[in-house]
Amino acid sequence: MFTINNEIHQWILWYAAGINLLSLAVYGWDKYCAIHHRWRVSEIMLLVLAAIGGSVGAIMGMRIFHHKTLHWKFRIGVPLCLMLHCLLLIWLNIHHII
C-alpha cells in the first residue's frame, strides 16, 4: 500500500508527464496551424500551459518545432517558469511535503 508521500509523488509524476506532453503537442499543433494558415492557439494559452507545469514540454516544442523562439515572452517566460517549478519542487522536498 502507498503512503501519503508516495501517493503525492505518483500524482505529481503523472500530472507532470501529462501536462508536458499536452504542452508539447499544443506547441506542435500551433506551428502546424501557422504553416497552413489556420486558426492559431493564443499566445496566452501557450504561456499558461508552461506556467501550470508544462514548461519542459513548451521548451521542447519551441526547440523541436522552431516555434515562438524569437518572441521575448517565450524566450524569457518559459525558462523562467521551468526555474520556478524546479525551485518549488526543491522547496517542497526540503519541507518534506512531497
PDB file of N, CA and C in Angstrom:
ATOM      1  N   MET A   1       0.831  -1.179   0.000  1.00  0.00           N
ATOM      2  CA  MET A   1       0.000   0.000   0.000  1.00  0.00           C
ATOM      3  C   MET A   1       0.879   1.249   0.000  1.00  0.00           C
ATOM      4  N   PHE A   2       0.443   2.277  -0.680  1.00  0.00           N
ATOM      5  CA  PHE A   2       1.214   3.520  -0.742  1.00  0.00           C
ATOM      6  C   PHE A   2       1.021   4.330   0.527  1.00  0.00           C
ATOM      7  N   THR A   3       2.073   5.040   0.888  1.00  0.00           N
ATOM      8  CA  THR A   3       1.924   6.020   1.953  1.00  0.00           C
ATOM      9  C   THR A   3       1.443   7.322   1.323  1.00  0.00           C
ATOM     10  N   ILE A   4       1.123   8.279   2.133  1.00  0.00           N
ATOM     11  CA  ILE A   4       0.650   9.576   1.627  1.00  0.00           C
ATOM     12  C   ILE A   4       1.697  10.203   0.711  1.00  0.00           C
ATOM     13  N   ASN A   5       2.974  10.208   1.133  1.00  0.00           N
ATOM     14  CA  ASN A   5       4.014  10.831   0.319  1.00  0.00           C
ATOM     15  C   ASN A   5       4.184  10.122  -1.013  1.00  0.00           C
ATOM     16  N   ASN A   6       4.112   8.790  -1.023  1.00  0.00           N
ATOM     17  CA  ASN A   6       4.232   8.064  -2.284  1.00  0.00           C
ATOM     18  C   ASN A   6       3.062   8.369  -3.206  1.00  0.00           C
ATOM     19  N   GLU A   7       1.872   8.491  -2.662  1.00  0.00           N
ATOM     20  CA  GLU A   7       0.711   8.836  -3.482  1.00  0.00           C
ATOM     21  C   GLU A   7       0.854  10.231  -4.063  1.00  0.00           C
ATOM     22  N   ILE A   8       1.347  11.158  -3.270  1.00  0.00           N
ATOM     23  CA  ILE A   8       1.572  12.524  -3.763  1.00  0.00           C
ATOM     24  C   ILE A   8       2.620  12.514  -4.868  1.00  0.00           C
ATOM     25  N   HIS A   9       3.701  11.750  -4.666  1.00  0.00           N
ATOM     26  CA  HIS A   9       4.728  11.637  -5.706  1.00  0.00           C
ATOM     27  C   HIS A   9       4.140  11.098  -6.999  1.00  0.00           C
ATOM     28  N   GLN A  10       3.296  10.080  -6.885  1.00  0.00           N
ATOM     29  CA  GLN A  10       2.677   9.492  -8.072  1.00  0.00           C
ATOM     30  C   GLN A  10       1.801  10.509  -8.796  1.00  0.00           C
ATOM     31  N   TRP A  11       0.990  11.247  -8.054  1.00  0.00           N
ATOM     32  CA  TRP A  11       0.124  12.263  -8.665  1.00  0.00           C
ATOM     33  C   TRP A  11       0.948  13.343  -9.349  1.00  0.00           C
ATOM     34  N   ILE A  12       2.005  13.791  -8.698  1.00  0.00           N
ATOM     35  CA  ILE A  12       2.860  14.818  -9.289  1.00  0.00           C
ATOM     36  C   ILE A  12       3.525  14.295 -10.553  1.00  0.00           C
ATOM     37  N   LEU A  13       4.017  13.065 -10.516  1.00  0.00           N
ATOM     38  CA  LEU A  13       4.660  12.472 -11.680  1.00  0.00           C
ATOM     39  C   LEU A  13       3.695  12.360 -12.857  1.00  0.00           C
ATOM     40  N   TRP A  14       2.489  11.848 -12.608  1.00  0.00           N
ATOM     41  CA  TRP A  14       1.503  11.708 -13.683  1.00  0.00           C
ATOM     42  C   TRP A  14       1.049  13.071 -14.209  1.00  0.00           C
ATOM     43  N   TYR A  15       0.849  14.027 -13.312  1.00  0.00           N
ATOM     44  CA  TYR A  15       0.456  15.367 -13.737  1.00  0.00           C
ATOM     45  C   TYR A  15       1.547  15.990 -14.610  1.00  0.00           C
ATOM     46  N   ALA A  16       2.804  15.901 -14.133  1.00  0.00           N
ATOM     47  CA  ALA A  16       3.919  16.496 -14.875  1.00  0.00           C
ATOM     48  C   ALA A  16       4.059  15.865 -16.259  1.00  0.00           C
ATOM     49  N   ALA A  17       3.953  14.545 -16.324  1.00  0.00           N
ATOM     50  CA  ALA A  17       4.057  13.868 -17.614  1.00  0.00           C
ATOM     51  C   ALA A  17       2.926  14.304 -18.539  1.00  0.00           C
ATOM     52  N   GLY A  18       1.711  14.337 -18.022  1.00  0.00           N
ATOM     53  CA  GLY A  18       0.557  14.696 -18.844  1.00  0.00           C
ATOM     54  C   GLY A  18       0.584  16.127 -19.333  1.00  0.00           C
ATOM     55  N   ILE A  19       0.874  17.068 -18.444  1.00  0.00           N
ATOM     56  CA  ILE A  19       0.837  18.475 -18.834  1.00  0.00           C
ATOM     57  C   ILE A  19       1.985  18.799 -19.785  1.00  0.00           C
ATOM     58  N   ASN A  20       3.124  18.129 -19.625  1.00  0.00           N
ATOM     59  CA  ASN A  20       4.241  18.381 -20.537  1.00  0.00           C
ATOM     60  C   ASN A  20       4.000  17.769 -21.907  1.00  0.00           C
ATOM     61  N   LEU A  21       3.399  16.593 -21.962  1.00  0.00           N
ATOM     62  CA  LEU A  21       3.029  16.020 -23.262  1.00  0.00           C
ATOM     63  C   LEU A  21       1.984  16.885 -23.958  1.00  0.00           C
ATOM     64  N   LEU A  22       0.999  17.361 -23.190  1.00  0.00           N
ATOM     65  CA  LEU A  22      -0.016  18.246 -23.752  1.00  0.00           C
ATOM     66  C   LEU A  22       0.619  19.530 -24.274  1.00  0.00           C
ATOM     67  N   SER A  23       1.511  20.108 -23.492  1.00  0.00           N
ATOM     68  CA  SER A  23       2.181  21.341 -23.897  1.00  0.00           C
ATOM     69  C   SER A  23       2.969  21.138 -25.190  1.00  0.00           C
ATOM     70  N   LEU A  24       3.728  20.060 -25.269  1.00  0.00           N
ATOM     71  CA  LEU A  24       4.484  19.753 -26.482  1.00  0.00           C
ATOM     72  C   LEU A  24       3.550  19.602 -27.680  1.00  0.00           C
ATOM     73  N   ALA A  25       2.451  18.896 -27.496  1.00  0.00           N
ATOM     74  CA  ALA A  25       1.504  18.677 -28.587  1.00  0.00           C
ATOM     75  C   ALA A  25       0.855  19.982 -29.037  1.00  0.00           C
ATOM     76  N   VAL A  26       0.509  20.843 -28.096  1.00  0.00           N
ATOM     77  CA  VAL A  26      -0.138  22.113 -28.452  1.00  0.00           C
ATOM     78  C   VAL A  26       0.838  23.031 -29.182  1.00  0.00           C
ATOM     79  N   TYR A  27       2.093  23.059 -28.761  1.00  0.00           N
ATOM     80  CA  TYR A  27       3.096  23.853 -29.482  1.00  0.00           C
ATOM     81  C   TYR A  27       3.259  23.325 -30.906  1.00  0.00           C
ATOM     82  N   GLY A  28       3.271  22.010 -31.058  1.00  0.00           N
ATOM     83  CA  GLY A  28       3.360  21.417 -32.392  1.00  0.00           C
ATOM     84  C   GLY A  28       2.139  21.735 -33.232  1.00  0.00           C
ATOM     85  N   TRP A  29       0.961  21.644 -32.628  1.00  0.00           N
ATOM     86  CA  TRP A  29      -0.281  21.948 -33.345  1.00  0.00           C
ATOM     87  C   TRP A  29      -0.303  23.413 -33.793  1.00  0.00           C
ATOM     88  N   ASP A  30       0.123  24.312 -32.910  1.00  0.00           N
ATOM     89  CA  ASP A  30       0.124  25.729 -33.266  1.00  0.00           C
ATOM     90  C   ASP A  30       1.100  26.005 -34.410  1.00  0.00           C
ATOM     91  N   LYS A  31       2.237  25.342 -34.421  1.00  0.00           N
ATOM     92  CA  LYS A  31       3.180  25.507 -35.524  1.00  0.00           C
ATOM     93  C   LYS A  31       2.566  24.996 -36.831  1.00  0.00           C
ATOM     94  N   TYR A  32       1.887  23.854 -36.758  1.00  0.00           N
ATOM     95  CA  TYR A  32       1.202  23.306 -37.931  1.00  0.00           C
ATOM     96  C   TYR A  32       0.160  24.300 -38.448  1.00  0.00           C
ATOM     97  N   CYS A  33      -0.606  24.862 -37.530  1.00  0.00           N
ATOM     98  CA  CYS A  33      -1.630  25.837 -37.924  1.00  0.00           C
ATOM     99  C   CYS A  33      -1.001  27.092 -38.519  1.00  0.00           C
ATOM    100  N   ALA A  34       0.128  27.504 -38.002  1.00  0.00           N
ATOM    101  CA  ALA A  34       0.817  28.685 -38.539  1.00  0.00           C
ATOM    102  C   ALA A  34       1.263  28.437 -39.979  1.00  0.00           C
ATOM    103  N   ILE A  35       1.791  27.253 -40.234  1.00  0.00           N
ATOM    104  CA  ILE A  35       2.270  26.920 -41.582  1.00  0.00           C
ATOM    105  C   ILE A  35       1.106  26.833 -42.570  1.00  0.00           C
ATOM    106  N   HIS A  36      -0.031  26.286 -42.124  1.00  0.00           N
ATOM    107  CA  HIS A  36      -1.167  26.034 -43.005  1.00  0.00           C
ATOM    108  C   HIS A  36      -2.249  27.122 -42.937  1.00  0.00           C
ATOM    109  N   HIS A  37      -1.918  28.259 -42.349  1.00  0.00           N
ATOM    110  CA  HIS A  37      -2.809  29.425 -42.300  1.00  0.00           C
ATOM    111  C   HIS A  37      -4.170  29.072 -41.708  1.00  0.00           C
ATOM    112  N   ARG A  38      -4.149  28.400 -40.578  1.00  0.00           N
ATOM    113  CA  ARG A  38      -5.376  28.039 -39.864  1.00  0.00           C
ATOM    114  C   ARG A  38      -5.475  28.852 -38.587  1.00  0.00           C
ATOM    115  N   TRP A  39      -6.613  28.706 -37.900  1.00  0.00           N
ATOM    116  CA  TRP A  39      -6.780  29.365 -36.616  1.00  0.00           C
ATOM    117  C   TRP A  39      -5.711  28.887 -35.663  1.00  0.00           C
ATOM    118  N   ARG A  40      -5.147  29.826 -34.909  1.00  0.00           N
ATOM    119  CA  ARG A  40      -3.997  29.552 -34.054  1.00  0.00           C
ATOM    120  C   ARG A  40      -4.397  29.436 -32.597  1.00  0.00           C
ATOM    121  N   VAL A  41      -3.536  28.807 -31.845  1.00  0.00           N
ATOM    122  CA  VAL A  41      -3.647  28.780 -30.387  1.00  0.00           C
ATOM    123  C   VAL A  41      -3.134  30.132 -29.895  1.00  0.00           C
ATOM    124  N   SER A  42      -3.832  30.739 -28.947  1.00  0.00           N
ATOM    125  CA  SER A  42      -3.408  32.059 -28.469  1.00  0.00           C
ATOM    126  C   SER A  42      -2.084  31.959 -27.707  1.00  0.00           C
ATOM    127  N   GLU A  43      -1.326  33.035 -27.764  1.00  0.00           N
ATOM    128  CA  GLU A  43      -0.058  33.068 -27.051  1.00  0.00           C
ATOM    129  C   GLU A  43      -0.265  32.902 -25.558  1.00  0.00           C
ATOM    130  N   ILE A  44      -1.337  33.478 -25.034  1.00  0.00           N
ATOM    131  CA  ILE A  44      -1.592  33.361 -23.602  1.00  0.00           C
ATOM    132  C   ILE A  44      -1.828  31.909 -23.216  1.00  0.00           C
ATOM    133  N   MET A  45      -2.511  31.141 -24.069  1.00  0.00           N
ATOM    134  CA  MET A  45      -2.739  29.723 -23.775  1.00  0.00           C
ATOM    135  C   MET A  45      -1.419  28.957 -23.778  1.00  0.00           C
ATOM    136  N   LEU A  46      -0.538  29.264 -24.715  1.00  0.00           N
ATOM    137  CA  LEU A  46       0.767  28.607 -24.758  1.00  0.00           C
ATOM    138  C   LEU A  46       1.573  28.928 -23.494  1.00  0.00           C
ATOM    139  N   LEU A  47       1.520  30.171 -23.059  1.00  0.00           N
ATOM    140  CA  LEU A  47       2.235  30.558 -21.845  1.00  0.00           C
ATOM    141  C   LEU A  47       1.592  29.959 -20.594  1.00  0.00           C
ATOM    142  N   VAL A  48       0.275  29.883 -20.572  1.00  0.00           N
ATOM    143  CA  VAL A  48      -0.415  29.277 -19.427  1.00  0.00           C
ATOM    144  C   VAL A  48      -0.040  27.806 -19.295  1.00  0.00           C
ATOM    145  N   LEU A  49       0.038  27.092 -20.407  1.00  0.00           N
ATOM    146  CA  LEU A  49       0.449  25.689 -20.360  1.00  0.00           C
ATOM    147  C   LEU A  49       1.835  25.554 -19.720  1.00  0.00           C
ATOM    148  N   ALA A  50       2.743  26.450 -20.072  1.00  0.00           N
ATOM    149  CA  ALA A  50       4.074  26.425 -19.461  1.00  0.00           C
ATOM    150  C   ALA A  50       3.987  26.753 -17.975  1.00  0.00           C
ATOM    151  N   ALA A  51       3.162  27.723 -17.623  1.00  0.00           N
ATOM    152  CA  ALA A  51       3.072  28.177 -16.236  1.00  0.00           C
ATOM    153  C   ALA A  51       2.449  27.140 -15.305  1.00  0.00           C
ATOM    154  N   ILE A  52       1.532  26.327 -15.801  1.00  0.00           N
ATOM    155  CA  ILE A  52       0.871  25.353 -14.929  1.00  0.00           C
ATOM    156  C   ILE A  52       1.593  24.014 -14.884  1.00  0.00           C
ATOM    157  N   GLY A  53       2.820  23.999 -15.340  1.00  0.00           N
ATOM    158  CA  GLY A  53       3.630  22.796 -15.193  1.00  0.00           C
ATOM    159  C   GLY A  53       4.174  22.227 -16.479  1.00  0.00           C
ATOM    160  N   GLY A  54       3.820  22.793 -17.621  1.00  0.00           N
ATOM    161  CA  GLY A  54       4.258  22.250 -18.900  1.00  0.00           C
ATOM    162  C   GLY A  54       5.464  22.944 -19.488  1.00  0.00           C
ATOM    163  N   SER A  55       6.322  23.476 -18.639  1.00  0.00           N
ATOM    164  CA  SER A  55       7.462  24.248 -19.148  1.00  0.00           C
ATOM    165  C   SER A  55       8.475  23.386 -19.898  1.00  0.00           C
ATOM    166  N   VAL A  56       8.688  22.158 -19.473  1.00  0.00           N
ATOM    167  CA  VAL A  56       9.621  21.282 -20.189  1.00  0.00           C
ATOM    168  C   VAL A  56       9.066  20.968 -21.579  1.00  0.00           C
ATOM    169  N   GLY A  57       7.774  20.635 -21.655  1.00  0.00           N
ATOM    170  CA  GLY A  57       7.142  20.376 -22.944  1.00  0.00           C
ATOM    171  C   GLY A  57       7.145  21.605 -23.834  1.00  0.00           C
ATOM    172  N   ALA A  58       6.965  22.781 -23.233  1.00  0.00           N
ATOM    173  CA  ALA A  58       6.987  24.026 -24.004  1.00  0.00           C
ATOM    174  C   ALA A  58       8.377  24.281 -24.578  1.00  0.00           C
ATOM    175  N   ILE A  59       9.404  24.088 -23.763  1.00  0.00           N
ATOM    176  CA  ILE A  59      10.772  24.284 -24.257  1.00  0.00           C
ATOM    177  C   ILE A  59      11.079  23.278 -25.358  1.00  0.00           C
ATOM    178  N   MET A  60      10.661  22.038 -25.165  1.00  0.00           N
ATOM    179  CA  MET A  60      10.875  21.029 -26.209  1.00  0.00           C
ATOM    180  C   MET A  60      10.132  21.409 -27.486  1.00  0.00           C
ATOM    181  N   GLY A  61       8.898  21.892 -27.351  1.00  0.00           N
ATOM    182  CA  GLY A  61       8.124  22.320 -28.509  1.00  0.00           C
ATOM    183  C   GLY A  61       8.770  23.487 -29.228  1.00  0.00           C
ATOM    184  N   MET A  62       9.318  24.420 -28.467  1.00  0.00           N
ATOM    185  CA  MET A  62       9.998  25.552 -29.073  1.00  0.00           C
ATOM    186  C   MET A  62      11.214  25.088 -29.854  1.00  0.00           C
ATOM    187  N   ARG A  63      11.943  24.131 -29.307  1.00  0.00           N
ATOM    188  CA  ARG A  63      13.160  23.638 -29.961  1.00  0.00           C
ATOM    189  C   ARG A  63      12.839  22.716 -31.140  1.00  0.00           C
ATOM    190  N   ILE A  64      11.975  21.743 -30.925  1.00  0.00           N
ATOM    191  CA  ILE A  64      11.672  20.753 -31.964  1.00  0.00           C
ATOM    192  C   ILE A  64      10.988  21.394 -33.165  1.00  0.00           C
ATOM    193  N   PHE A  65       9.977  22.237 -32.890  1.00  0.00           N
ATOM    194  CA  PHE A  65       9.177  22.818 -33.967  1.00  0.00           C
ATOM    195  C   PHE A  65       9.674  24.198 -34.387  1.00  0.00           C
ATOM    196  N   HIS A  66      10.746  24.691 -33.759  1.00  0.00           N
ATOM    197  CA  HIS A  66      11.267  26.038 -34.038  1.00  0.00           C
ATOM    198  C   HIS A  66      10.121  27.053 -33.990  1.00  0.00           C
ATOM    199  N   HIS A  67       9.407  27.015 -32.878  1.00  0.00           N
ATOM    200  CA  HIS A  67       8.191  27.807 -32.746  1.00  0.00           C
ATOM    201  C   HIS A  67       8.294  28.760 -31.569  1.00  0.00           C
ATOM    202  N   LYS A  68       8.001  30.014 -31.807  1.00  0.00           N
ATOM    203  CA  LYS A  68       7.992  31.075 -30.802  1.00  0.00           C
ATOM    204  C   LYS A  68       9.376  31.338 -30.221  1.00  0.00           C
ATOM    205  N   THR A  69      10.406  30.974 -30.923  1.00  0.00           N
ATOM    206  CA  THR A  69      11.760  31.145 -30.403  1.00  0.00           C
ATOM    207  C   THR A  69      12.258  32.581 -30.502  1.00  0.00           C
ATOM    208  N   LEU A  70      11.618  33.417 -31.307  1.00  0.00           N
ATOM    209  CA  LEU A  70      12.043  34.804 -31.449  1.00  0.00           C
ATOM    210  C   LEU A  70      11.236  35.766 -30.581  1.00  0.00           C
ATOM    211  N   HIS A  71      10.187  35.266 -29.936  1.00  0.00           N
ATOM    212  CA  HIS A  71       9.338  36.114 -29.091  1.00  0.00           C
ATOM    213  C   HIS A  71       9.930  36.179 -27.693  1.00  0.00           C
ATOM    214  N   TRP A  72      10.209  37.390 -27.211  1.00  0.00           N
ATOM    215  CA  TRP A  72      10.849  37.543 -25.902  1.00  0.00           C
ATOM    216  C   TRP A  72      10.000  36.968 -24.790  1.00  0.00           C
ATOM    217  N   LYS A  73       8.653  37.032 -24.926  1.00  0.00           N
ATOM    218  CA  LYS A  73       7.786  36.471 -23.881  1.00  0.00           C
ATOM    219  C   LYS A  73       8.043  34.988 -23.687  1.00  0.00           C
ATOM    220  N   PHE A  74       8.362  34.305 -24.758  1.00  0.00           N
ATOM    221  CA  PHE A  74       8.605  32.871 -24.702  1.00  0.00           C
ATOM    222  C   PHE A  74      10.062  32.564 -24.370  1.00  0.00           C
ATOM    223  N   ARG A  75      10.984  33.327 -24.929  1.00  0.00           N
ATOM    224  CA  ARG A  75      12.404  33.086 -24.680  1.00  0.00           C
ATOM    225  C   ARG A  75      12.770  33.324 -23.223  1.00  0.00           C
ATOM    226  N   ILE A  76      12.054  34.228 -22.574  1.00  0.00           N
ATOM    227  CA  ILE A  76      12.322  34.522 -21.169  1.00  0.00           C
ATOM    228  C   ILE A  76      11.299  33.828 -20.265  1.00  0.00           C
ATOM    229  N   GLY A  77      10.034  33.894 -20.648  1.00  0.00           N
ATOM    230  CA  GLY A  77       8.961  33.404 -19.786  1.00  0.00           C
ATOM    231  C   GLY A  77       8.958  31.908 -19.557  1.00  0.00           C
ATOM    232  N   VAL A  78       9.176  31.134 -20.595  1.00  0.00           N
ATOM    233  CA  VAL A  78       9.111  29.678 -20.457  1.00  0.00           C
ATOM    234  C   VAL A  78      10.276  29.152 -19.607  1.00  0.00           C
ATOM    235  N   PRO A  79      11.532  29.561 -19.863  1.00  0.00           N
ATOM    236  CA  PRO A  79      12.603  29.106 -18.960  1.00  0.00           C
ATOM    237  C   PRO A  79      12.417  29.598 -17.528  1.00  0.00           C
ATOM    238  N   LEU A  80      11.847  30.789 -17.356  1.00  0.00           N
ATOM    239  CA  LEU A  80      11.564  31.293 -16.017  1.00  0.00           C
ATOM    240  C   LEU A  80      10.550  30.391 -15.313  1.00  0.00           C
ATOM    241  N   CYS A  81       9.524  29.961 -16.039  1.00  0.00           N
ATOM    242  CA  CYS A  81       8.553  29.011 -15.468  1.00  0.00           C
ATOM    243  C   CYS A  81       9.246  27.729 -15.042  1.00  0.00           C
ATOM    244  N   LEU A  82      10.146  27.222 -15.867  1.00  0.00           N
ATOM    245  CA  LEU A  82      10.869  25.998 -15.533  1.00  0.00           C
ATOM    246  C   LEU A  82      11.694  26.183 -14.260  1.00  0.00           C
ATOM    247  N   MET A  83      12.380  27.308 -14.153  1.00  0.00           N
ATOM    248  CA  MET A  83      13.176  27.567 -12.951  1.00  0.00           C
ATOM    249  C   MET A  83      12.284  27.642 -11.713  1.00  0.00           C
ATOM    250  N   LEU A  84      11.139  28.299 -11.836  1.00  0.00           N
ATOM    251  CA  LEU A  84      10.216  28.395 -10.705  1.00  0.00           C
ATOM    252  C   LEU A  84       9.668  27.031 -10.315  1.00  0.00           C
ATOM    253  N   HIS A  85       9.370  26.185 -11.296  1.00  0.00           N
ATOM    254  CA  HIS A  85       8.883  24.838 -10.998  1.00  0.00           C
ATOM    255  C   HIS A  85       9.952  24.025 -10.266  1.00  0.00           C
ATOM    256  N   CYS A  86      11.195  24.148 -10.714  1.00  0.00           N
ATOM    257  CA  CYS A  86      12.292  23.433 -10.058  1.00  0.00           C
ATOM    258  C   CYS A  86      12.473  23.927  -8.622  1.00  0.00           C
ATOM    259  N   LEU A  87      12.428  25.231  -8.437  1.00  0.00           N
ATOM    260  CA  LEU A  87      12.544  25.783  -7.083  1.00  0.00           C
ATOM    261  C   LEU A  87      11.396  25.326  -6.197  1.00  0.00           C
ATOM    262  N   LEU A  88      10.197  25.266  -6.740  1.00  0.00           N
ATOM    263  CA  LEU A  88       9.045  24.797  -5.969  1.00  0.00           C
ATOM    264  C   LEU A  88       9.228  23.344  -5.547  1.00  0.00           C
ATOM    265  N   LEU A  89       9.672  22.488  -6.459  1.00  0.00           N
ATOM    266  CA  LEU A  89       9.901  21.085  -6.117  1.00  0.00           C
ATOM    267  C   LEU A  89      10.999  20.931  -5.070  1.00  0.00           C
ATOM    268  N   ILE A  90      12.053  21.724  -5.181  1.00  0.00           N
ATOM    269  CA  ILE A  90      13.123  21.683  -4.179  1.00  0.00           C
ATOM    270  C   ILE A  90      12.578  22.115  -2.831  1.00  0.00           C
ATOM    271  N   TRP A  91      11.827  23.202  -2.802  1.00  0.00           N
ATOM    272  CA  TRP A  91      11.253  23.700  -1.547  1.00  0.00           C
ATOM    273  C   TRP A  91      10.321  22.664  -0.923  1.00  0.00           C
ATOM    274  N   LEU A  92       9.482  22.043  -1.747  1.00  0.00           N
ATOM    275  CA  LEU A  92       8.566  21.032  -1.229  1.00  0.00           C
ATOM    276  C   LEU A  92       9.319  19.832  -0.679  1.00  0.00           C
ATOM    277  N   ASN A  93      10.405  19.439  -1.330  1.00  0.00           N
ATOM    278  CA  ASN A  93      11.205  18.318  -0.827  1.00  0.00           C
ATOM    279  C   ASN A  93      11.923  18.670   0.458  1.00  0.00           C
ATOM    280  N   ILE A  94      12.453  19.880   0.551  1.00  0.00           N
ATOM    281  CA  ILE A  94      13.147  20.302   1.773  1.00  0.00           C
ATOM    282  C   ILE A  94      12.183  20.290   2.955  1.00  0.00           C
ATOM    283  N   HIS A  95      10.953  20.692   2.720  1.00  0.00           N
ATOM    284  CA  HIS A  95       9.961  20.740   3.799  1.00  0.00           C
ATOM    285  C   HIS A  95       9.184  19.436   3.937  1.00  0.00           C
ATOM    286  N   HIS A  96       9.627  18.400   3.241  1.00  0.00           N
ATOM    287  CA  HIS A  96       9.028  17.057   3.323  1.00  0.00           C
ATOM    288  C   HIS A  96       7.539  17.054   3.050  1.00  0.00           C
ATOM    289  N   ILE A  97       7.106  17.929   2.154  1.00  0.00           N
ATOM    290  CA  ILE A  97       5.702  17.964   1.770  1.00  0.00           C
ATOM    291  C   ILE A  97       5.440  16.923   0.707  1.00  0.00           C
ATOM    292  N   ILE A  98       6.420  16.692  -0.159  1.00  0.00           N
ATOM    293  CA  ILE A  98       6.262  15.619  -1.151  1.00  0.00           C
ATOM    294  C   ILE A  98       7.337  14.578  -0.937  1.00  0.00           C
TER     295      ILE A  98
END
